[in-house]
Amino acid sequence: MAELTLRTMTASDEGAWDAFVTACPQATFFHRSGWKRIIEEAFGHRTHFLLAENAQGIQGILPLAEIRHFYFGHSLSSLPFGVYGGIAALSAEATQVLDQAAQDLAATLKVDHLEYRQMQSLHPDWPRKELYVTFRREIDPDPEQNMKNIPRKQRAMVRSGIKNGLVSEIDDTVERFYAVFSDNMLRHGTPTFAKRYFSLLKSTFGQDCEVLSVLKDQEVVSSVLTFYFRDEVLPYYAGDTLAARTLAANDFKYWELMRRSCERGYRLFDYGRSKLGTGSYHFKKNWGFEPTPLHYEYRLYRSTEVPDQNPLNPKYQFFIKAWRQLPLPVANWLGPQLVKYLG
């Protein structure tokens, strides 16, 4: 193999970078070049999108972003705000070059830790976070067979949503989605993203980022923002109103997304990341999806332990309870100032 050279991605590389992402089996939606713009413009963080290339073109990539905060620490991660990341490469040599470059960069930047969010383990000897799993399953080409593949009790919930007269619509903007998403986040005691972040997702990824809303009597009761990648469907951000539970709107929403995706020729439904033992974990299992562990690996520099910035951490319980009491406009203003450091 011709000698590899390493450099950072430039604007002129974006087309070749994304072509590589589409073709490389290890790559995911979160390896796409558009995340550089989103992380920089929506959150103000510095990015380091590394590529290894030779005379034949790009042989491997590693998107990284740097987050610095006086309380939450200083990190270099692939990739914050994404569930997957790490190195995507065509050879062991390209993987090694990118891995060493990331470790050298982390040392130069004097970060607390370097993090890879991967489906496959790269450094079994590194400290890791055994907290997350993902749920992925093939979509049958026949919509009716997909309904039959849903376990009986969950299938009954979907049919209940249909009987309740729910309908789904594709939205051109994030307005209706953001209204239910931000309210849902407040009820869970979690800071929300800015509406501009979701608008950036749509403008950056175009038709590969879509909002589906569920309505009852012309009122939105549930909504989901979905990514599309190759033949995969990735529902990623979702929200529901208080009325959604009695209407089975959440169940209907994911069925409608699966049904529509099946009819459009998509063949893999990625239900996304969940924490072990949480409500979303059990909800996805109820659909007949089996969990697959995710490998979140850390190289510690200034840190002495793996970071634990998640709502299950007992030290955040007081904050969560207090956040739920905020007026929605206050939460929607203050939330984006905090969540950008919780990638």
C-alpha atoms as a PDB file:
ATOM      1  CA  MET A   1       0.000   0.000   0.000  1.00  0.00           C
ATOM      2  CA  ALA A   2       1.192   3.517  -0.831  1.00  0.00           C
ATOM      3  CA  GLU A   3       2.406   5.567   2.112  1.00  0.00           C
ATOM      4  CA  LEU A   4      -0.352   7.215   4.147  1.00  0.00           C
ATOM      5  CA  THR A   5      -0.425  10.904   4.955  1.00  0.00           C
ATOM      6  CA  LEU A   6      -2.497  12.465   7.721  1.00  0.00           C
ATOM      7  CA  ARG A   7      -4.219  15.847   7.686  1.00  0.00           C
ATOM      8  CA  THR A   8      -7.384  17.619   8.783  1.00  0.00           C
ATOM      9  CA  MET A   9     -10.444  17.859   6.564  1.00  0.00           C
ATOM     10  CA  THR A  10     -10.995  21.109   4.648  1.00  0.00           C
ATOM     11  CA  ALA A  11     -14.142  22.389   2.964  1.00  0.00           C
ATOM     12  CA  SER A  12     -12.893  21.074  -0.385  1.00  0.00           C
ATOM     13  CA  ASP A  13     -12.641  17.560   1.093  1.00  0.00           C
ATOM     14  CA  GLU A  14     -16.288  17.290   2.144  1.00  0.00           C
ATOM     15  CA  GLY A  15     -17.497  15.556  -1.012  1.00  0.00           C
ATOM     16  CA  ALA A  16     -14.744  12.931  -0.912  1.00  0.00           C
ATOM     17  CA  TRP A  17     -15.169  12.526   2.858  1.00  0.00           C
ATOM     18  CA  ASP A  18     -18.908  11.828   2.540  1.00  0.00           C
ATOM     19  CA  ALA A  19     -18.365   9.480  -0.409  1.00  0.00           C
ATOM     20  CA  PHE A  20     -15.949   7.542   1.800  1.00  0.00           C
ATOM     21  CA  VAL A  21     -18.497   7.473   4.643  1.00  0.00           C
ATOM     22  CA  THR A  22     -21.161   6.070   2.323  1.00  0.00           C
ATOM     23  CA  ALA A  23     -18.841   3.320   1.061  1.00  0.00           C
ATOM     24  CA  CYS A  24     -16.997   2.354   4.268  1.00  0.00           C
ATOM     25  CA  PRO A  25     -18.767  -0.432   6.220  1.00  0.00           C
ATOM     26  CA  GLN A  26     -17.506   0.896   9.575  1.00  0.00           C
ATOM     27  CA  ALA A  27     -18.836   4.416   9.000  1.00  0.00           C
ATOM     28  CA  THR A  28     -22.124   5.693  10.420  1.00  0.00           C
ATOM     29  CA  PHE A  29     -24.358   8.709   9.972  1.00  0.00           C
ATOM     30  CA  PHE A  30     -22.328  10.401  12.715  1.00  0.00           C
ATOM     31  CA  HIS A  31     -19.189  10.254  10.589  1.00  0.00           C
ATOM     32  CA  ARG A  32     -20.667  12.586   7.959  1.00  0.00           C
ATOM     33  CA  SER A  33     -18.807  15.824   7.332  1.00  0.00           C
ATOM     34  CA  GLY A  34     -21.854  17.944   8.173  1.00  0.00           C
ATOM     35  CA  TRP A  35     -21.320  17.340  11.882  1.00  0.00           C
ATOM     36  CA  LYS A  36     -18.308  19.645  11.740  1.00  0.00           C
ATOM     37  CA  ARG A  37     -20.499  22.596  10.803  1.00  0.00           C
ATOM     38  CA  ILE A  38     -23.207  21.653  13.292  1.00  0.00           C
ATOM     39  CA  ILE A  39     -20.889  21.262  16.276  1.00  0.00           C
ATOM     40  CA  GLU A  40     -19.073  24.493  15.487  1.00  0.00           C
ATOM     41  CA  GLU A  41     -22.115  26.634  14.677  1.00  0.00           C
ATOM     42  CA  ALA A  42     -24.684  25.226  17.102  1.00  0.00           C
ATOM     43  CA  PHE A  43     -22.393  24.772  20.105  1.00  0.00           C
ATOM     44  CA  GLY A  44     -19.267  26.794  19.423  1.00  0.00           C
ATOM     45  CA  HIS A  45     -16.898  23.871  19.974  1.00  0.00           C
ATOM     46  CA  ARG A  46     -13.622  23.300  18.166  1.00  0.00           C
ATOM     47  CA  THR A  47     -13.503  20.300  15.812  1.00  0.00           C
ATOM     48  CA  HIS A  48     -10.657  18.164  14.487  1.00  0.00           C
ATOM     49  CA  PHE A  49     -11.792  16.029  11.530  1.00  0.00           C
ATOM     50  CA  LEU A  50      -8.795  13.844  10.672  1.00  0.00           C
ATOM     51  CA  LEU A  51      -8.284  11.869   7.465  1.00  0.00           C
ATOM     52  CA  ALA A  52      -5.601   9.442   6.316  1.00  0.00           C
ATOM     53  CA  GLU A  53      -5.039   9.224   2.587  1.00  0.00           C
ATOM     54  CA  ASN A  54      -2.708   7.896  -0.098  1.00  0.00           C
ATOM     55  CA  ALA A  55      -2.563   8.091  -3.884  1.00  0.00           C
ATOM     56  CA  GLN A  56      -5.794   6.075  -4.104  1.00  0.00           C
ATOM     57  CA  GLY A  57      -7.701   8.576  -1.938  1.00  0.00           C
ATOM     58  CA  ILE A  58      -9.060   8.595   1.599  1.00  0.00           C
ATOM     59  CA  GLN A  59      -8.285   5.406   3.507  1.00  0.00           C
ATOM     60  CA  GLY A  60      -9.666   6.340   6.916  1.00  0.00           C
ATOM     61  CA  ILE A  61     -11.359   9.109   8.876  1.00  0.00           C
ATOM     62  CA  LEU A  62     -11.819  10.163  12.492  1.00  0.00           C
ATOM     63  CA  PRO A  63     -14.177  13.045  13.365  1.00  0.00           C
ATOM     64  CA  LEU A  64     -13.284  14.598  16.737  1.00  0.00           C
ATOM     65  CA  ALA A  65     -14.675  17.510  18.725  1.00  0.00           C
ATOM     66  CA  GLU A  66     -13.250  19.259  21.736  1.00  0.00           C
ATOM     67  CA  ILE A  67     -15.439  20.382  24.653  1.00  0.00           C
ATOM     68  CA  ARG A  68     -14.058  22.565  27.425  1.00  0.00           C
ATOM     69  CA  HIS A  69     -15.951  23.570  30.589  1.00  0.00           C
ATOM     70  CA  PHE A  70     -14.802  24.627  34.058  1.00  0.00           C
ATOM     71  CA  TYR A  71     -17.109  22.082  35.766  1.00  0.00           C
ATOM     72  CA  PHE A  72     -17.708  19.313  33.214  1.00  0.00           C
ATOM     73  CA  GLY A  73     -14.074  19.194  32.132  1.00  0.00           C
ATOM     74  CA  HIS A  74     -12.042  19.205  28.940  1.00  0.00           C
ATOM     75  CA  SER A  75     -12.608  16.330  26.510  1.00  0.00           C
ATOM     76  CA  LEU A  76     -11.805  15.188  22.986  1.00  0.00           C
ATOM     77  CA  SER A  77     -14.488  12.869  21.669  1.00  0.00           C
ATOM     78  CA  SER A  78     -15.676  11.031  18.575  1.00  0.00           C
ATOM     79  CA  LEU A  79     -18.304  12.183  18.499  1.00  0.00           C
ATOM     80  CA  PRO A  80     -20.185  14.350  21.013  1.00  0.00           C
ATOM     81  CA  PHE A  81     -23.943  14.581  20.418  1.00  0.00           C
ATOM     82  CA  GLY A  82     -23.717  11.320  18.456  1.00  0.00           C
ATOM     83  CA  VAL A  83     -24.251   7.762  19.625  1.00  0.00           C
ATOM     84  CA  TYR A  84     -21.627   6.279  17.292  1.00  0.00           C
ATOM     85  CA  GLY A  85     -18.192   7.455  16.225  1.00  0.00           C
ATOM     86  CA  GLY A  86     -14.552   6.469  16.388  1.00  0.00           C
ATOM     87  CA  ILE A  87     -12.328   5.472  13.485  1.00  0.00           C
ATOM     88  CA  ALA A  88     -13.737   4.324  10.147  1.00  0.00           C
ATOM     89  CA  ALA A  89     -10.951   2.919   7.974  1.00  0.00           C
ATOM     90  CA  LEU A  90     -10.215   0.481   5.155  1.00  0.00           C
ATOM     91  CA  SER A  91      -7.044  -0.975   6.686  1.00  0.00           C
ATOM     92  CA  ALA A  92      -5.330  -1.681   9.976  1.00  0.00           C
ATOM     93  CA  GLU A  93      -2.577   0.724   8.943  1.00  0.00           C
ATOM     94  CA  ALA A  94      -5.012   3.619   8.472  1.00  0.00           C
ATOM     95  CA  THR A  95      -6.662   2.770  11.788  1.00  0.00           C
ATOM     96  CA  GLN A  96      -3.316   2.848  13.568  1.00  0.00           C
ATOM     97  CA  VAL A  97      -2.277   6.159  12.008  1.00  0.00           C
ATOM     98  CA  LEU A  98      -5.537   7.853  12.980  1.00  0.00           C
ATOM     99  CA  ASP A  99      -5.573   6.351  16.458  1.00  0.00           C
ATOM    100  CA  GLN A 100      -2.049   7.550  17.186  1.00  0.00           C
ATOM    101  CA  ALA A 101      -2.866  10.996  15.803  1.00  0.00           C
ATOM    102  CA  ALA A 102      -5.883  11.285  18.097  1.00  0.00           C
ATOM    103  CA  GLN A 103      -3.852  10.287  21.138  1.00  0.00           C
ATOM    104  CA  ASP A 104      -1.093  12.740  20.224  1.00  0.00           C
ATOM    105  CA  LEU A 105      -3.669  15.504  19.722  1.00  0.00           C
ATOM    106  CA  ALA A 106      -5.305  14.735  23.077  1.00  0.00           C
ATOM    107  CA  ALA A 107      -1.927  15.011  24.802  1.00  0.00           C
ATOM    108  CA  THR A 108      -1.107  18.268  22.995  1.00  0.00           C
ATOM    109  CA  LEU A 109      -4.461  19.804  23.923  1.00  0.00           C
ATOM    110  CA  LYS A 110      -4.012  18.649  27.545  1.00  0.00           C
ATOM    111  CA  VAL A 111      -7.542  17.212  27.697  1.00  0.00           C
ATOM    112  CA  ASP A 112      -8.881  15.257  30.647  1.00  0.00           C
ATOM    113  CA  HIS A 113      -9.762  12.319  28.420  1.00  0.00           C
ATOM    114  CA  LEU A 114     -10.106  11.035  24.857  1.00  0.00           C
ATOM    115  CA  GLU A 115     -13.318   9.141  24.066  1.00  0.00           C
ATOM    116  CA  TYR A 116     -14.272   6.808  21.199  1.00  0.00           C
ATOM    117  CA  ARG A 117     -17.980   5.911  20.809  1.00  0.00           C
ATOM    118  CA  GLN A 118     -17.966   2.720  18.763  1.00  0.00           C
ATOM    119  CA  MET A 119     -19.924  -0.356  17.795  1.00  0.00           C
ATOM    120  CA  GLN A 120     -16.726  -2.432  17.832  1.00  0.00           C
ATOM    121  CA  SER A 121     -14.041  -2.353  20.502  1.00  0.00           C
ATOM    122  CA  LEU A 122     -10.692  -0.864  19.465  1.00  0.00           C
ATOM    123  CA  HIS A 123      -8.875  -0.741  22.823  1.00  0.00           C
ATOM    124  CA  PRO A 124     -10.151  -3.479  25.165  1.00  0.00           C
ATOM    125  CA  ASP A 125      -7.478  -2.434  27.679  1.00  0.00           C
ATOM    126  CA  TRP A 126      -8.761   1.157  27.971  1.00  0.00           C
ATOM    127  CA  PRO A 127     -11.270   2.134  30.679  1.00  0.00           C
ATOM    128  CA  ARG A 128     -14.800   1.948  29.321  1.00  0.00           C
ATOM    129  CA  LYS A 129     -18.379   2.880  30.110  1.00  0.00           C
ATOM    130  CA  GLU A 130     -20.587  -0.227  30.212  1.00  0.00           C
ATOM    131  CA  LEU A 131     -23.797   1.782  30.203  1.00  0.00           C
ATOM    132  CA  TYR A 132     -25.194   1.962  26.681  1.00  0.00           C
ATOM    133  CA  VAL A 133     -26.659  -0.496  24.207  1.00  0.00           C
ATOM    134  CA  THR A 134     -28.091  -0.020  20.745  1.00  0.00           C
ATOM    135  CA  PHE A 135     -31.114  -1.676  19.125  1.00  0.00           C
ATOM    136  CA  ARG A 136     -30.956  -2.494  15.403  1.00  0.00           C
ATOM    137  CA  ARG A 137     -33.143  -4.835  13.348  1.00  0.00           C
ATOM    138  CA  GLU A 138     -33.916  -5.452   9.688  1.00  0.00           C
ATOM    139  CA  ILE A 139     -37.140  -4.102   8.200  1.00  0.00           C
ATOM    140  CA  ASP A 140     -39.139  -6.645   6.221  1.00  0.00           C
ATOM    141  CA  PRO A 141     -40.053  -5.517   2.666  1.00  0.00           C
ATOM    142  CA  ASP A 142     -43.718  -6.292   3.487  1.00  0.00           C
ATOM    143  CA  PRO A 143     -45.398  -3.733   5.815  1.00  0.00           C
ATOM    144  CA  GLU A 144     -47.875  -6.328   7.089  1.00  0.00           C
ATOM    145  CA  GLN A 145     -45.054  -8.675   8.014  1.00  0.00           C
ATOM    146  CA  ASN A 146     -43.440  -5.879  10.005  1.00  0.00           C
ATOM    147  CA  MET A 147     -46.664  -5.510  11.973  1.00  0.00           C
ATOM    148  CA  LYS A 148     -46.716  -9.255  12.627  1.00  0.00           C
ATOM    149  CA  ASN A 149     -43.087  -9.134  13.771  1.00  0.00           C
ATOM    150  CA  ILE A 150     -44.000  -6.820  16.650  1.00  0.00           C
ATOM    151  CA  PRO A 151     -44.678  -8.857  19.841  1.00  0.00           C
ATOM    152  CA  ARG A 152     -48.367  -9.265  20.652  1.00  0.00           C
ATOM    153  CA  LYS A 153     -48.689  -6.792  23.555  1.00  0.00           C
ATOM    154  CA  GLN A 154     -46.781  -4.067  21.742  1.00  0.00           C
ATOM    155  CA  ARG A 155     -48.729  -4.736  18.552  1.00  0.00           C
ATOM    156  CA  ALA A 156     -51.922  -4.154  20.523  1.00  0.00           C
ATOM    157  CA  MET A 157     -50.619  -0.722  21.557  1.00  0.00           C
ATOM    158  CA  VAL A 158     -49.936   0.180  17.921  1.00  0.00           C
ATOM    159  CA  ARG A 159     -53.431  -0.920  16.906  1.00  0.00           C
ATOM    160  CA  SER A 160     -54.833   1.111  19.804  1.00  0.00           C
ATOM    161  CA  GLY A 161     -53.170   4.216  18.363  1.00  0.00           C
ATOM    162  CA  ILE A 162     -54.707   3.470  14.973  1.00  0.00           C
ATOM    163  CA  LYS A 163     -58.166   3.022  16.533  1.00  0.00           C
ATOM    164  CA  ASN A 164     -57.777   6.327  18.361  1.00  0.00           C
ATOM    165  CA  GLY A 165     -57.774   8.085  14.999  1.00  0.00           C
ATOM    166  CA  LEU A 166     -54.157   9.184  15.025  1.00  0.00           C
ATOM    167  CA  VAL A 167     -52.566  10.301  11.763  1.00  0.00           C
ATOM    168  CA  SER A 168     -48.970  11.073  10.813  1.00  0.00           C
ATOM    169  CA  GLU A 169     -47.585  13.924   8.729  1.00  0.00           C
ATOM    170  CA  ILE A 170     -44.131  14.881   7.439  1.00  0.00           C
ATOM    171  CA  ASP A 171     -43.193  18.421   8.549  1.00  0.00           C
ATOM    172  CA  ASP A 172     -41.195  20.893   6.494  1.00  0.00           C
ATOM    173  CA  THR A 173     -39.890  22.681   9.603  1.00  0.00           C
ATOM    174  CA  VAL A 174     -38.942  21.806  13.191  1.00  0.00           C
ATOM    175  CA  GLU A 175     -41.573  24.096  14.752  1.00  0.00           C
ATOM    176  CA  ARG A 176     -44.130  21.497  15.822  1.00  0.00           C
ATOM    177  CA  PHE A 177     -41.419  19.008  16.734  1.00  0.00           C
ATOM    178  CA  TYR A 178     -39.626  21.501  18.975  1.00  0.00           C
ATOM    179  CA  ALA A 179     -42.798  22.437  20.844  1.00  0.00           C
ATOM    180  CA  VAL A 180     -43.406  18.876  22.042  1.00  0.00           C
ATOM    181  CA  PHE A 181     -39.706  17.982  22.364  1.00  0.00           C
ATOM    182  CA  SER A 182     -38.796  20.891  24.639  1.00  0.00           C
ATOM    183  CA  ASP A 183     -41.885  20.385  26.802  1.00  0.00           C
ATOM    184  CA  ASN A 184     -41.073  16.676  27.086  1.00  0.00           C
ATOM    185  CA  MET A 185     -37.488  17.462  28.129  1.00  0.00           C
ATOM    186  CA  LEU A 186     -38.690  19.849  30.835  1.00  0.00           C
ATOM    187  CA  ARG A 187     -41.029  17.196  32.282  1.00  0.00           C
ATOM    188  CA  HIS A 188     -38.050  14.830  32.489  1.00  0.00           C
ATOM    189  CA  GLY A 189     -35.891  17.461  34.179  1.00  0.00           C
ATOM    190  CA  THR A 190     -33.382  17.580  31.312  1.00  0.00           C
ATOM    191  CA  PRO A 191     -32.003  20.736  29.621  1.00  0.00           C
ATOM    192  CA  THR A 192     -33.136  21.055  26.028  1.00  0.00           C
ATOM    193  CA  PHE A 193     -31.250  21.980  22.883  1.00  0.00           C
ATOM    194  CA  ALA A 194     -31.861  25.266  21.100  1.00  0.00           C
ATOM    195  CA  LYS A 195     -34.383  25.207  18.265  1.00  0.00           C
ATOM    196  CA  ARG A 196     -31.586  26.478  16.005  1.00  0.00           C
ATOM    197  CA  TYR A 197     -29.724  23.199  16.491  1.00  0.00           C
ATOM    198  CA  PHE A 198     -32.564  21.220  14.929  1.00  0.00           C
ATOM    199  CA  SER A 199     -32.926  23.739  12.118  1.00  0.00           C
ATOM    200  CA  LEU A 200     -29.202  23.296  11.421  1.00  0.00           C
ATOM    201  CA  LEU A 201     -29.638  19.532  11.299  1.00  0.00           C
ATOM    202  CA  LYS A 202     -32.336  19.885   8.651  1.00  0.00           C
ATOM    203  CA  SER A 203     -30.495  22.468   6.568  1.00  0.00           C
ATOM    204  CA  THR A 204     -27.215  20.530   6.733  1.00  0.00           C
ATOM    205  CA  PHE A 205     -28.508  17.024   6.014  1.00  0.00           C
ATOM    206  CA  GLY A 206     -31.452  17.935   3.815  1.00  0.00           C
ATOM    207  CA  GLN A 207     -33.705  15.018   2.904  1.00  0.00           C
ATOM    208  CA  ASP A 208     -31.645  12.737   5.171  1.00  0.00           C
ATOM    209  CA  CYS A 209     -33.114  14.535   8.191  1.00  0.00           C
ATOM    210  CA  GLU A 210     -36.883  14.419   8.480  1.00  0.00           C
ATOM    211  CA  VAL A 211     -39.572  15.257  11.034  1.00  0.00           C
ATOM    212  CA  LEU A 212     -42.664  13.073  11.416  1.00  0.00           C
ATOM    213  CA  SER A 213     -45.475  14.359  13.629  1.00  0.00           C
ATOM    214  CA  VAL A 214     -48.490  12.474  14.996  1.00  0.00           C
ATOM    215  CA  LEU A 215     -51.785  14.335  15.281  1.00  0.00           C
ATOM    216  CA  LYS A 216     -55.083  13.817  17.058  1.00  0.00           C
ATOM    217  CA  ASP A 217     -57.875  16.118  15.838  1.00  0.00           C
ATOM    218  CA  GLN A 218     -55.277  18.266  14.069  1.00  0.00           C
ATOM    219  CA  GLU A 219     -53.232  18.760  17.265  1.00  0.00           C
ATOM    220  CA  VAL A 220     -49.673  17.407  17.467  1.00  0.00           C
ATOM    221  CA  VAL A 221     -49.312  14.919  20.308  1.00  0.00           C
ATOM    222  CA  SER A 222     -46.008  13.301  19.358  1.00  0.00           C
ATOM    223  CA  SER A 223     -43.104  13.970  16.997  1.00  0.00           C
ATOM    224  CA  VAL A 224     -39.774  12.451  15.984  1.00  0.00           C
ATOM    225  CA  LEU A 225     -36.736  13.761  14.104  1.00  0.00           C
ATOM    226  CA  THR A 226     -35.140  10.963  12.064  1.00  0.00           C
ATOM    227  CA  PHE A 227     -31.844  10.504  10.229  1.00  0.00           C
ATOM    228  CA  TYR A 228     -31.526   8.382   7.074  1.00  0.00           C
ATOM    229  CA  PHE A 229     -28.234   6.765   6.118  1.00  0.00           C
ATOM    230  CA  ARG A 230     -27.722   4.281   3.266  1.00  0.00           C
ATOM    231  CA  ASP A 231     -30.599   1.820   3.847  1.00  0.00           C
ATOM    232  CA  GLU A 232     -30.903   2.654   7.570  1.00  0.00           C
ATOM    233  CA  VAL A 233     -33.534   4.612   9.502  1.00  0.00           C
ATOM    234  CA  LEU A 234     -32.429   6.267  12.750  1.00  0.00           C
ATOM    235  CA  PRO A 235     -35.173   7.928  14.831  1.00  0.00           C
ATOM    236  CA  TYR A 236     -32.994  10.161  16.991  1.00  0.00           C
ATOM    237  CA  TYR A 237     -34.868  12.913  18.848  1.00  0.00           C
ATOM    238  CA  ALA A 238     -38.476  12.519  19.946  1.00  0.00           C
ATOM    239  CA  GLY A 239     -41.056  14.167  22.152  1.00  0.00           C
ATOM    240  CA  ASP A 240     -44.623  13.612  23.310  1.00  0.00           C
ATOM    241  CA  THR A 241     -47.360  15.570  25.062  1.00  0.00           C
ATOM    242  CA  LEU A 242     -49.042  14.442  28.258  1.00  0.00           C
ATOM    243  CA  ALA A 243     -51.999  13.228  26.173  1.00  0.00           C
ATOM    244  CA  ALA A 244     -49.779  10.934  24.104  1.00  0.00           C
ATOM    245  CA  ARG A 245     -49.726   8.057  26.605  1.00  0.00           C
ATOM    246  CA  THR A 246     -53.490   7.525  26.760  1.00  0.00           C
ATOM    247  CA  LEU A 247     -53.664   7.773  22.963  1.00  0.00           C
ATOM    248  CA  ALA A 248     -50.762   5.309  22.411  1.00  0.00           C
ATOM    249  CA  ALA A 249     -49.234   8.041  20.250  1.00  0.00           C
ATOM    250  CA  ASN A 250     -45.629   7.079  20.967  1.00  0.00           C
ATOM    251  CA  ASP A 251     -46.268   3.512  19.816  1.00  0.00           C
ATOM    252  CA  PHE A 252     -48.166   4.676  16.739  1.00  0.00           C
ATOM    253  CA  LYS A 253     -45.377   7.146  15.897  1.00  0.00           C
ATOM    254  CA  TYR A 254     -42.673   4.501  15.617  1.00  0.00           C
ATOM    255  CA  TRP A 255     -44.941   2.169  13.699  1.00  0.00           C
ATOM    256  CA  GLU A 256     -45.741   4.912  11.204  1.00  0.00           C
ATOM    257  CA  LEU A 257     -42.039   5.646  10.814  1.00  0.00           C
ATOM    258  CA  MET A 258     -41.303   1.970  10.233  1.00  0.00           C
ATOM    259  CA  ARG A 259     -44.210   1.585   7.812  1.00  0.00           C
ATOM    260  CA  ARG A 260     -43.268   4.649   5.782  1.00  0.00           C
ATOM    261  CA  SER A 261     -39.591   3.630   5.750  1.00  0.00           C
ATOM    262  CA  CYS A 262     -40.475   0.138   4.553  1.00  0.00           C
ATOM    263  CA  GLU A 263     -42.513   1.544   1.683  1.00  0.00           C
ATOM    264  CA  ARG A 264     -39.595   3.816   0.718  1.00  0.00           C
ATOM    265  CA  GLY A 265     -37.185   0.887   0.552  1.00  0.00           C
ATOM    266  CA  TYR A 266     -35.222   1.255   3.779  1.00  0.00           C
ATOM    267  CA  ARG A 267     -34.146  -2.050   5.252  1.00  0.00           C
ATOM    268  CA  LEU A 268     -32.711  -1.465   8.732  1.00  0.00           C
ATOM    269  CA  PHE A 269     -34.404   0.209  11.690  1.00  0.00           C
ATOM    270  CA  ASP A 270     -31.958   1.628  14.226  1.00  0.00           C
ATOM    271  CA  TYR A 271     -33.870   2.350  17.424  1.00  0.00           C
ATOM    272  CA  GLY A 272     -30.783   4.032  18.818  1.00  0.00           C
ATOM    273  CA  ARG A 273     -28.950   4.130  22.096  1.00  0.00           C
ATOM    274  CA  SER A 274     -30.471   3.468  25.498  1.00  0.00           C
ATOM    275  CA  LYS A 275     -29.080   3.181  28.984  1.00  0.00           C
ATOM    276  CA  LEU A 276     -29.314  -0.275  30.517  1.00  0.00           C
ATOM    277  CA  GLY A 277     -32.437  -0.806  32.604  1.00  0.00           C
ATOM    278  CA  THR A 278     -34.171   2.477  31.697  1.00  0.00           C
ATOM    279  CA  GLY A 279     -37.701   2.949  30.416  1.00  0.00           C
ATOM    280  CA  SER A 280     -36.526   3.456  26.827  1.00  0.00           C
ATOM    281  CA  TYR A 281     -34.463   0.260  27.085  1.00  0.00           C
ATOM    282  CA  HIS A 282     -37.517  -1.790  28.053  1.00  0.00           C
ATOM    283  CA  PHE A 283     -39.730  -0.010  25.501  1.00  0.00           C
ATOM    284  CA  LYS A 284     -37.430  -1.053  22.654  1.00  0.00           C
ATOM    285  CA  LYS A 285     -37.192  -4.611  23.942  1.00  0.00           C
ATOM    286  CA  ASN A 286     -40.995  -4.727  23.946  1.00  0.00           C
ATOM    287  CA  TRP A 287     -40.818  -4.155  20.181  1.00  0.00           C
ATOM    288  CA  GLY A 288     -38.815  -7.363  19.821  1.00  0.00           C
ATOM    289  CA  PHE A 289     -35.450  -5.640  19.362  1.00  0.00           C
ATOM    290  CA  GLU A 290     -32.425  -7.186  21.059  1.00  0.00           C
ATOM    291  CA  PRO A 291     -29.767  -4.960  22.669  1.00  0.00           C
ATOM    292  CA  THR A 292     -26.202  -4.858  21.382  1.00  0.00           C
ATOM    293  CA  PRO A 293     -23.542  -3.376  23.721  1.00  0.00           C
ATOM    294  CA  LEU A 294     -21.822  -0.198  22.609  1.00  0.00           C
ATOM    295  CA  HIS A 295     -18.106   0.233  23.249  1.00  0.00           C
ATOM    296  CA  TYR A 296     -17.368   3.641  24.732  1.00  0.00           C
ATOM    297  CA  GLU A 297     -13.623   3.598  25.405  1.00  0.00           C
ATOM    298  CA  TYR A 298     -11.523   6.238  27.167  1.00  0.00           C
ATOM    299  CA  ARG A 299      -7.876   7.164  27.251  1.00  0.00           C
ATOM    300  CA  LEU A 300      -7.426   9.064  30.511  1.00  0.00           C
ATOM    301  CA  TYR A 301      -4.960  11.931  30.688  1.00  0.00           C
ATOM    302  CA  ARG A 302      -5.755  14.364  33.491  1.00  0.00           C
ATOM    303  CA  SER A 303      -8.817  12.433  34.642  1.00  0.00           C
ATOM    304  CA  THR A 304      -8.502   9.575  37.092  1.00  0.00           C
ATOM    305  CA  GLU A 305     -11.839   7.969  36.200  1.00  0.00           C
ATOM    306  CA  VAL A 306     -14.346   7.687  33.358  1.00  0.00           C
ATOM    307  CA  PRO A 307     -16.765  10.676  33.275  1.00  0.00           C
ATOM    308  CA  ASP A 308     -20.279  10.060  34.565  1.00  0.00           C
ATOM    309  CA  GLN A 309     -22.452  12.883  33.263  1.00  0.00           C
ATOM    310  CA  ASN A 310     -25.794  11.136  32.934  1.00  0.00           C
ATOM    311  CA  PRO A 311     -29.163  11.563  34.689  1.00  0.00           C
ATOM    312  CA  LEU A 312     -28.808   8.220  36.494  1.00  0.00           C
ATOM    313  CA  ASN A 313     -25.939   9.669  38.525  1.00  0.00           C
ATOM    314  CA  PRO A 314     -27.369  10.311  42.041  1.00  0.00           C
ATOM    315  CA  LYS A 315     -25.570  13.648  42.348  1.00  0.00           C
ATOM    316  CA  TYR A 316     -27.793  15.118  39.601  1.00  0.00           C
ATOM    317  CA  GLN A 317     -31.141  14.182  41.193  1.00  0.00           C
ATOM    318  CA  PHE A 318     -31.604  17.498  42.997  1.00  0.00           C
ATOM    319  CA  PHE A 319     -30.847  19.384  39.786  1.00  0.00           C
ATOM    320  CA  ILE A 320     -33.376  17.285  37.843  1.00  0.00           C
ATOM    321  CA  LYS A 321     -36.139  17.921  40.382  1.00  0.00           C
ATOM    322  CA  ALA A 322     -35.415  21.664  40.423  1.00  0.00           C
ATOM    323  CA  TRP A 323     -35.277  21.878  36.613  1.00  0.00           C
ATOM    324  CA  ARG A 324     -38.785  20.423  36.320  1.00  0.00           C
ATOM    325  CA  GLN A 325     -40.160  23.435  38.208  1.00  0.00           C
ATOM    326  CA  LEU A 326     -38.885  25.997  35.691  1.00  0.00           C
ATOM    327  CA  PRO A 327     -41.321  27.798  33.379  1.00  0.00           C
ATOM    328  CA  LEU A 328     -40.976  26.435  29.842  1.00  0.00           C
ATOM    329  CA  PRO A 329     -39.694  29.711  28.304  1.00  0.00           C
ATOM    330  CA  VAL A 330     -36.979  29.922  30.974  1.00  0.00           C
ATOM    331  CA  ALA A 331     -35.973  26.289  30.429  1.00  0.00           C
ATOM    332  CA  ASN A 332     -35.851  26.803  26.658  1.00  0.00           C
ATOM    333  CA  TRP A 333     -33.564  29.816  27.121  1.00  0.00           C
ATOM    334  CA  LEU A 334     -31.295  28.386  29.816  1.00  0.00           C
ATOM    335  CA  GLY A 335     -31.174  24.758  28.622  1.00  0.00           C
ATOM    336  CA  PRO A 336     -29.068  25.326  25.477  1.00  0.00           C
ATOM    337  CA  GLN A 337     -26.454  27.146  27.582  1.00  0.00           C
ATOM    338  CA  LEU A 338     -25.921  23.942  29.585  1.00  0.00           C
ATOM    339  CA  VAL A 339     -26.613  21.089  27.199  1.00  0.00           C
ATOM    340  CA  LYS A 340     -23.892  22.131  24.771  1.00  0.00           C
ATOM    341  CA  TYR A 341     -21.343  21.003  27.370  1.00  0.00           C
ATOM    342  CA  LEU A 342     -23.069  17.632  27.908  1.00  0.00           C
ATOM    343  CA  GLY A 343     -22.301  16.113  24.510  1.00  0.00           C
END
